[in-house]
N, C-alpha and C. Protein backbone atom coordinates (compact mmCIF):
# COMPACT_ATOMS: atom_id res chain seq x y z
N MET A 1 -2.14 -10.79 -16.35
CA MET A 1 -1.86 -12.03 -15.66
C MET A 1 -2.97 -12.28 -14.64
N GLU A 2 -3.44 -13.50 -14.59
CA GLU A 2 -4.49 -13.87 -13.64
C GLU A 2 -3.92 -13.92 -12.22
N THR A 3 -4.78 -13.62 -11.26
CA THR A 3 -4.37 -13.58 -9.86
C THR A 3 -3.76 -14.89 -9.38
N VAL A 4 -4.37 -16.02 -9.74
CA VAL A 4 -3.86 -17.32 -9.30
C VAL A 4 -2.46 -17.56 -9.85
N ASN A 5 -2.25 -17.24 -11.11
CA ASN A 5 -0.92 -17.41 -11.70
C ASN A 5 0.09 -16.49 -11.01
N ALA A 6 -0.31 -15.25 -10.76
CA ALA A 6 0.57 -14.30 -10.10
C ALA A 6 0.94 -14.77 -8.69
N GLU A 7 -0.03 -15.29 -7.97
CA GLU A 7 0.25 -15.81 -6.62
C GLU A 7 1.22 -16.98 -6.68
N ASN A 8 1.08 -17.83 -7.68
CA ASN A 8 2.00 -18.97 -7.85
C ASN A 8 3.42 -18.50 -8.14
N VAL A 9 3.54 -17.47 -8.97
CA VAL A 9 4.86 -16.92 -9.28
C VAL A 9 5.50 -16.35 -8.01
N ILE A 10 4.72 -15.63 -7.23
CA ILE A 10 5.24 -15.07 -5.97
C ILE A 10 5.69 -16.20 -5.04
N TYR A 11 4.85 -17.21 -4.89
CA TYR A 11 5.20 -18.32 -4.01
C TYR A 11 6.47 -19.05 -4.48
N ASP A 12 6.55 -19.31 -5.77
CA ASP A 12 7.74 -19.97 -6.31
C ASP A 12 8.99 -19.14 -6.07
N ASN A 13 8.89 -17.83 -6.22
CA ASN A 13 10.03 -16.96 -5.95
C ASN A 13 10.36 -16.94 -4.47
N TYR A 14 9.35 -16.88 -3.64
CA TYR A 14 9.56 -16.88 -2.19
C TYR A 14 10.30 -18.14 -1.75
N LYS A 15 9.92 -19.26 -2.33
CA LYS A 15 10.55 -20.54 -2.00
C LYS A 15 11.84 -20.79 -2.77
N GLY A 16 12.13 -19.95 -3.76
CA GLY A 16 13.34 -20.13 -4.57
C GLY A 16 13.27 -21.37 -5.45
N ARG A 17 12.08 -21.68 -5.90
CA ARG A 17 11.88 -22.88 -6.72
C ARG A 17 12.50 -22.73 -8.10
N ASN A 18 12.78 -23.89 -8.69
CA ASN A 18 13.36 -23.92 -10.03
C ASN A 18 12.61 -23.02 -10.99
N ASP A 19 13.35 -22.37 -11.82
CA ASP A 19 12.83 -21.54 -12.90
C ASP A 19 12.19 -20.25 -12.43
N SER A 20 12.45 -19.82 -11.20
CA SER A 20 11.95 -18.53 -10.74
C SER A 20 13.11 -17.53 -10.73
N PHE A 21 12.79 -16.26 -10.70
CA PHE A 21 13.82 -15.22 -10.63
C PHE A 21 14.73 -15.44 -9.43
N MET A 22 14.14 -15.72 -8.28
CA MET A 22 14.92 -15.92 -7.06
C MET A 22 15.79 -17.16 -7.14
N PHE A 23 15.32 -18.20 -7.82
CA PHE A 23 16.15 -19.39 -8.00
C PHE A 23 17.41 -19.02 -8.77
N PHE A 24 17.24 -18.34 -9.89
CA PHE A 24 18.41 -17.97 -10.69
C PHE A 24 19.32 -17.01 -9.92
N LEU A 25 18.74 -16.06 -9.21
CA LEU A 25 19.54 -15.08 -8.47
C LEU A 25 20.31 -15.73 -7.33
N HIS A 26 19.64 -16.56 -6.57
CA HIS A 26 20.25 -17.16 -5.37
C HIS A 26 21.07 -18.41 -5.67
N GLU A 27 20.52 -19.30 -6.44
CA GLU A 27 21.19 -20.60 -6.67
C GLU A 27 22.20 -20.58 -7.82
N ARG A 28 21.96 -19.73 -8.80
CA ARG A 28 22.82 -19.70 -10.00
C ARG A 28 23.64 -18.41 -10.12
N ASP A 29 23.41 -17.47 -9.17
CA ASP A 29 24.09 -16.17 -9.23
C ASP A 29 23.94 -15.54 -10.61
N LEU A 30 22.71 -15.57 -11.11
CA LEU A 30 22.40 -15.11 -12.45
C LEU A 30 21.19 -14.19 -12.41
N PHE A 31 21.29 -13.04 -13.06
CA PHE A 31 20.17 -12.12 -13.16
C PHE A 31 19.42 -12.45 -14.44
N SER A 32 18.24 -13.04 -14.29
CA SER A 32 17.41 -13.40 -15.44
C SER A 32 16.41 -12.28 -15.70
N GLN A 33 16.61 -11.55 -16.79
CA GLN A 33 15.71 -10.46 -17.11
C GLN A 33 14.30 -10.98 -17.38
N GLU A 34 14.20 -12.09 -18.08
CA GLU A 34 12.89 -12.67 -18.36
C GLU A 34 12.13 -12.98 -17.07
N LYS A 35 12.82 -13.58 -16.12
CA LYS A 35 12.17 -13.94 -14.85
C LYS A 35 11.92 -12.72 -13.97
N PHE A 36 12.76 -11.69 -14.11
CA PHE A 36 12.50 -10.45 -13.39
C PHE A 36 11.15 -9.88 -13.82
N TRP A 37 10.94 -9.81 -15.13
CA TRP A 37 9.68 -9.23 -15.64
C TRP A 37 8.48 -10.09 -15.25
N GLU A 38 8.67 -11.38 -15.19
CA GLU A 38 7.58 -12.25 -14.74
C GLU A 38 7.22 -11.93 -13.28
N LEU A 39 8.24 -11.77 -12.45
CA LEU A 39 8.02 -11.41 -11.05
C LEU A 39 7.37 -10.03 -10.95
N TYR A 40 7.90 -9.07 -11.68
CA TYR A 40 7.36 -7.70 -11.69
C TYR A 40 5.88 -7.71 -12.06
N ASP A 41 5.54 -8.36 -13.15
CA ASP A 41 4.15 -8.41 -13.61
C ASP A 41 3.25 -9.09 -12.58
N SER A 42 3.78 -10.08 -11.90
CA SER A 42 2.99 -10.78 -10.88
C SER A 42 2.69 -9.88 -9.69
N ILE A 43 3.68 -9.12 -9.26
CA ILE A 43 3.45 -8.21 -8.13
C ILE A 43 2.42 -7.16 -8.52
N ILE A 44 2.56 -6.61 -9.71
CA ILE A 44 1.60 -5.61 -10.21
C ILE A 44 0.18 -6.21 -10.28
N ALA A 45 0.09 -7.44 -10.75
CA ALA A 45 -1.22 -8.09 -10.90
C ALA A 45 -1.94 -8.27 -9.57
N LEU A 46 -1.19 -8.28 -8.49
CA LEU A 46 -1.77 -8.49 -7.17
C LEU A 46 -2.01 -7.17 -6.43
N LYS A 47 -2.17 -6.12 -7.19
CA LYS A 47 -2.38 -4.76 -6.68
C LYS A 47 -3.42 -4.75 -5.56
N GLY A 48 -3.00 -4.20 -4.42
CA GLY A 48 -3.91 -4.00 -3.31
C GLY A 48 -4.15 -5.21 -2.42
N MET A 49 -3.57 -6.34 -2.74
CA MET A 49 -3.85 -7.55 -1.96
C MET A 49 -3.04 -7.63 -0.66
N ALA A 50 -2.13 -6.70 -0.45
CA ALA A 50 -1.28 -6.74 0.74
C ALA A 50 -2.09 -6.72 2.03
N PHE A 51 -3.21 -6.03 2.01
CA PHE A 51 -3.98 -5.87 3.25
C PHE A 51 -4.99 -6.98 3.48
N THR A 52 -5.32 -7.71 2.44
CA THR A 52 -6.27 -8.82 2.60
C THR A 52 -5.56 -10.16 2.66
N GLU A 53 -4.32 -10.20 2.23
CA GLU A 53 -3.54 -11.45 2.19
C GLU A 53 -2.19 -11.23 2.89
N PRO A 54 -2.17 -11.27 4.23
CA PRO A 54 -0.92 -10.96 4.94
C PRO A 54 0.23 -11.92 4.63
N GLU A 55 -0.05 -13.18 4.36
CA GLU A 55 1.03 -14.11 4.02
C GLU A 55 1.64 -13.75 2.67
N LEU A 56 0.82 -13.38 1.74
CA LEU A 56 1.30 -12.93 0.44
C LEU A 56 2.15 -11.67 0.59
N ALA A 57 1.71 -10.75 1.45
CA ALA A 57 2.48 -9.53 1.71
C ALA A 57 3.84 -9.86 2.31
N ARG A 58 3.87 -10.81 3.20
CA ARG A 58 5.14 -11.24 3.81
C ARG A 58 6.07 -11.80 2.75
N GLN A 59 5.53 -12.58 1.83
CA GLN A 59 6.34 -13.17 0.76
C GLN A 59 6.90 -12.11 -0.18
N VAL A 60 6.05 -11.16 -0.58
CA VAL A 60 6.51 -10.08 -1.46
C VAL A 60 7.59 -9.27 -0.77
N ASN A 61 7.37 -8.95 0.49
CA ASN A 61 8.35 -8.17 1.25
C ASN A 61 9.68 -8.91 1.36
N SER A 62 9.63 -10.19 1.61
CA SER A 62 10.84 -11.00 1.72
C SER A 62 11.61 -11.03 0.40
N ILE A 63 10.91 -11.21 -0.69
CA ILE A 63 11.53 -11.21 -2.02
C ILE A 63 12.18 -9.86 -2.29
N TYR A 64 11.45 -8.81 -2.03
CA TYR A 64 11.92 -7.44 -2.26
C TYR A 64 13.22 -7.19 -1.48
N GLN A 65 13.22 -7.53 -0.21
CA GLN A 65 14.40 -7.32 0.62
C GLN A 65 15.60 -8.13 0.11
N TYR A 66 15.35 -9.37 -0.26
CA TYR A 66 16.45 -10.22 -0.72
C TYR A 66 17.05 -9.71 -2.02
N VAL A 67 16.22 -9.27 -2.94
CA VAL A 67 16.73 -8.74 -4.21
C VAL A 67 17.60 -7.52 -3.96
N LEU A 68 17.14 -6.61 -3.12
CA LEU A 68 17.94 -5.42 -2.82
C LEU A 68 19.25 -5.78 -2.13
N LYS A 69 19.20 -6.67 -1.18
CA LYS A 69 20.42 -7.09 -0.49
C LYS A 69 21.40 -7.76 -1.44
N THR A 70 20.89 -8.58 -2.34
CA THR A 70 21.75 -9.27 -3.29
C THR A 70 22.46 -8.27 -4.19
N MET A 71 21.76 -7.24 -4.59
CA MET A 71 22.39 -6.20 -5.42
C MET A 71 23.49 -5.48 -4.63
N ILE A 72 23.25 -5.23 -3.37
CA ILE A 72 24.28 -4.59 -2.52
C ILE A 72 25.48 -5.51 -2.39
N TRP A 73 25.23 -6.79 -2.13
CA TRP A 73 26.34 -7.74 -1.98
C TRP A 73 27.15 -7.86 -3.26
N HIS A 74 26.49 -7.74 -4.39
CA HIS A 74 27.18 -7.81 -5.67
C HIS A 74 28.28 -6.74 -5.75
N PHE A 75 28.02 -5.58 -5.19
CA PHE A 75 28.98 -4.48 -5.26
C PHE A 75 29.96 -4.45 -4.09
N SER A 76 29.74 -5.26 -3.09
CA SER A 76 30.59 -5.23 -1.90
C SER A 76 31.95 -5.86 -2.18
N PRO A 77 33.03 -5.13 -1.90
CA PRO A 77 34.36 -5.70 -2.12
C PRO A 77 34.72 -6.80 -1.11
N THR A 78 33.95 -6.88 -0.02
CA THR A 78 34.23 -7.89 1.00
C THR A 78 33.36 -9.13 0.86
N ASP A 79 32.51 -9.16 -0.16
CA ASP A 79 31.63 -10.31 -0.38
C ASP A 79 32.03 -10.99 -1.68
N SER A 80 31.97 -12.29 -1.70
CA SER A 80 32.39 -13.04 -2.89
C SER A 80 31.28 -13.19 -3.93
N LEU A 81 30.07 -12.72 -3.62
CA LEU A 81 28.96 -12.85 -4.55
C LEU A 81 29.18 -11.99 -5.79
N THR A 82 29.06 -12.62 -6.94
CA THR A 82 29.07 -11.90 -8.21
C THR A 82 27.93 -12.46 -9.03
N ILE A 83 27.10 -11.57 -9.53
CA ILE A 83 25.93 -11.98 -10.29
C ILE A 83 26.23 -11.88 -11.78
N GLU A 84 26.08 -13.00 -12.46
CA GLU A 84 26.24 -13.00 -13.92
C GLU A 84 25.07 -12.26 -14.55
N ASN A 85 25.32 -11.65 -15.68
CA ASN A 85 24.29 -10.96 -16.44
C ASN A 85 23.68 -9.81 -15.64
N PHE A 86 24.45 -9.28 -14.67
CA PHE A 86 23.94 -8.18 -13.85
C PHE A 86 23.79 -6.95 -14.75
N PRO A 87 22.61 -6.36 -14.78
CA PRO A 87 22.37 -5.27 -15.72
C PRO A 87 23.11 -3.98 -15.35
N ALA A 88 23.69 -3.36 -16.34
CA ALA A 88 24.36 -2.07 -16.12
C ALA A 88 23.36 -1.03 -15.65
N GLU A 89 22.12 -1.14 -16.12
CA GLU A 89 21.08 -0.19 -15.73
C GLU A 89 20.30 -0.72 -14.52
N TYR A 90 21.02 -1.27 -13.55
CA TYR A 90 20.39 -1.89 -12.38
C TYR A 90 19.49 -0.91 -11.64
N ASN A 91 19.81 0.39 -11.68
CA ASN A 91 18.95 1.36 -10.99
C ASN A 91 17.54 1.37 -11.59
N GLY A 92 17.42 1.10 -12.88
CA GLY A 92 16.10 1.01 -13.50
C GLY A 92 15.32 -0.18 -12.99
N TYR A 93 16.01 -1.28 -12.75
CA TYR A 93 15.34 -2.47 -12.20
C TYR A 93 14.90 -2.21 -10.76
N ILE A 94 15.73 -1.50 -10.01
CA ILE A 94 15.33 -1.15 -8.64
C ILE A 94 14.10 -0.24 -8.67
N GLU A 95 14.11 0.74 -9.57
CA GLU A 95 12.96 1.64 -9.70
C GLU A 95 11.70 0.84 -10.02
N ARG A 96 11.81 -0.09 -10.95
CA ARG A 96 10.64 -0.90 -11.33
C ARG A 96 10.16 -1.75 -10.16
N LEU A 97 11.09 -2.38 -9.45
CA LEU A 97 10.70 -3.22 -8.32
C LEU A 97 10.07 -2.37 -7.22
N ASP A 98 10.63 -1.21 -6.94
CA ASP A 98 10.04 -0.28 -5.97
C ASP A 98 8.61 0.06 -6.36
N TYR A 99 8.44 0.36 -7.63
CA TYR A 99 7.11 0.73 -8.12
C TYR A 99 6.12 -0.42 -7.95
N ALA A 100 6.52 -1.62 -8.35
CA ALA A 100 5.63 -2.78 -8.25
C ALA A 100 5.20 -3.03 -6.81
N VAL A 101 6.15 -2.95 -5.89
CA VAL A 101 5.83 -3.18 -4.48
C VAL A 101 4.91 -2.07 -3.96
N SER A 102 5.13 -0.85 -4.39
CA SER A 102 4.25 0.26 -4.00
C SER A 102 2.82 0.02 -4.47
N VAL A 103 2.68 -0.42 -5.71
CA VAL A 103 1.35 -0.72 -6.26
C VAL A 103 0.71 -1.87 -5.47
N PHE A 104 1.49 -2.87 -5.14
CA PHE A 104 0.99 -4.01 -4.38
C PHE A 104 0.38 -3.55 -3.05
N TYR A 105 1.04 -2.58 -2.40
CA TYR A 105 0.56 -2.10 -1.10
C TYR A 105 -0.50 -1.01 -1.20
N ALA A 106 -0.67 -0.40 -2.36
CA ALA A 106 -1.65 0.68 -2.53
C ALA A 106 -2.83 0.16 -3.32
N GLY A 107 -3.87 -0.20 -2.65
CA GLY A 107 -5.01 -0.83 -3.29
C GLY A 107 -5.71 -0.02 -4.35
N ASN A 108 -5.68 1.29 -4.25
CA ASN A 108 -6.41 2.11 -5.21
C ASN A 108 -5.49 2.77 -6.23
N ALA A 109 -4.27 2.31 -6.33
CA ALA A 109 -3.31 2.91 -7.26
C ALA A 109 -3.71 2.66 -8.70
N THR A 110 -3.48 3.67 -9.51
CA THR A 110 -3.67 3.53 -10.95
C THR A 110 -2.35 3.04 -11.51
N ILE A 111 -2.40 2.03 -12.34
CA ILE A 111 -1.17 1.48 -12.93
C ILE A 111 -0.62 2.50 -13.92
N ALA A 112 0.65 2.84 -13.76
CA ALA A 112 1.29 3.85 -14.60
C ALA A 112 1.51 3.33 -16.02
N ASP A 113 1.53 4.24 -16.94
CA ASP A 113 1.87 3.95 -18.33
C ASP A 113 3.36 3.55 -18.35
N GLU A 114 3.66 2.48 -19.02
CA GLU A 114 5.04 1.97 -19.08
C GLU A 114 6.03 3.02 -19.59
N SER A 115 5.57 3.96 -20.37
CA SER A 115 6.48 4.93 -20.98
C SER A 115 7.09 5.90 -19.98
N ILE A 116 6.57 5.96 -18.76
CA ILE A 116 7.14 6.89 -17.78
C ILE A 116 8.46 6.40 -17.21
N PHE A 117 8.75 5.14 -17.39
CA PHE A 117 9.97 4.56 -16.82
C PHE A 117 11.13 4.68 -17.78
N GLU A 118 12.29 4.95 -17.22
CA GLU A 118 13.50 4.98 -18.04
C GLU A 118 13.80 3.58 -18.58
N LEU A 119 13.69 2.59 -17.71
CA LEU A 119 13.95 1.21 -18.12
C LEU A 119 12.73 0.65 -18.85
N GLN A 120 12.94 0.29 -20.09
CA GLN A 120 11.88 -0.31 -20.89
C GLN A 120 12.21 -1.79 -21.10
N ARG A 121 11.20 -2.56 -21.35
CA ARG A 121 11.40 -3.99 -21.57
C ARG A 121 12.11 -4.23 -22.87
């Protein structure tokens, strides 16, 4: 994925714009696997840019925090949020998101072979 496209995906998710992972998660209470992978690939594509693009880093961090909080709220018995299509293997999605954010912040990281992850596309 090209850097410009990846930055646009991050921005659209940060703003919760139509057809983004965050739009479906927040506005539709729906976990879109297709849009998750688009977001994941975009974060990976921006490897190392956290230190040269502080606004982009803020956006990625905000998205990351919101996704994790939404997953917690989904399981909370005191919260009315229920996410449709919530994956049973949600821990694999958390692992992938953690990894992508780590790569984003580590400029010299080598991108791991996809086969090391339990969760496959």
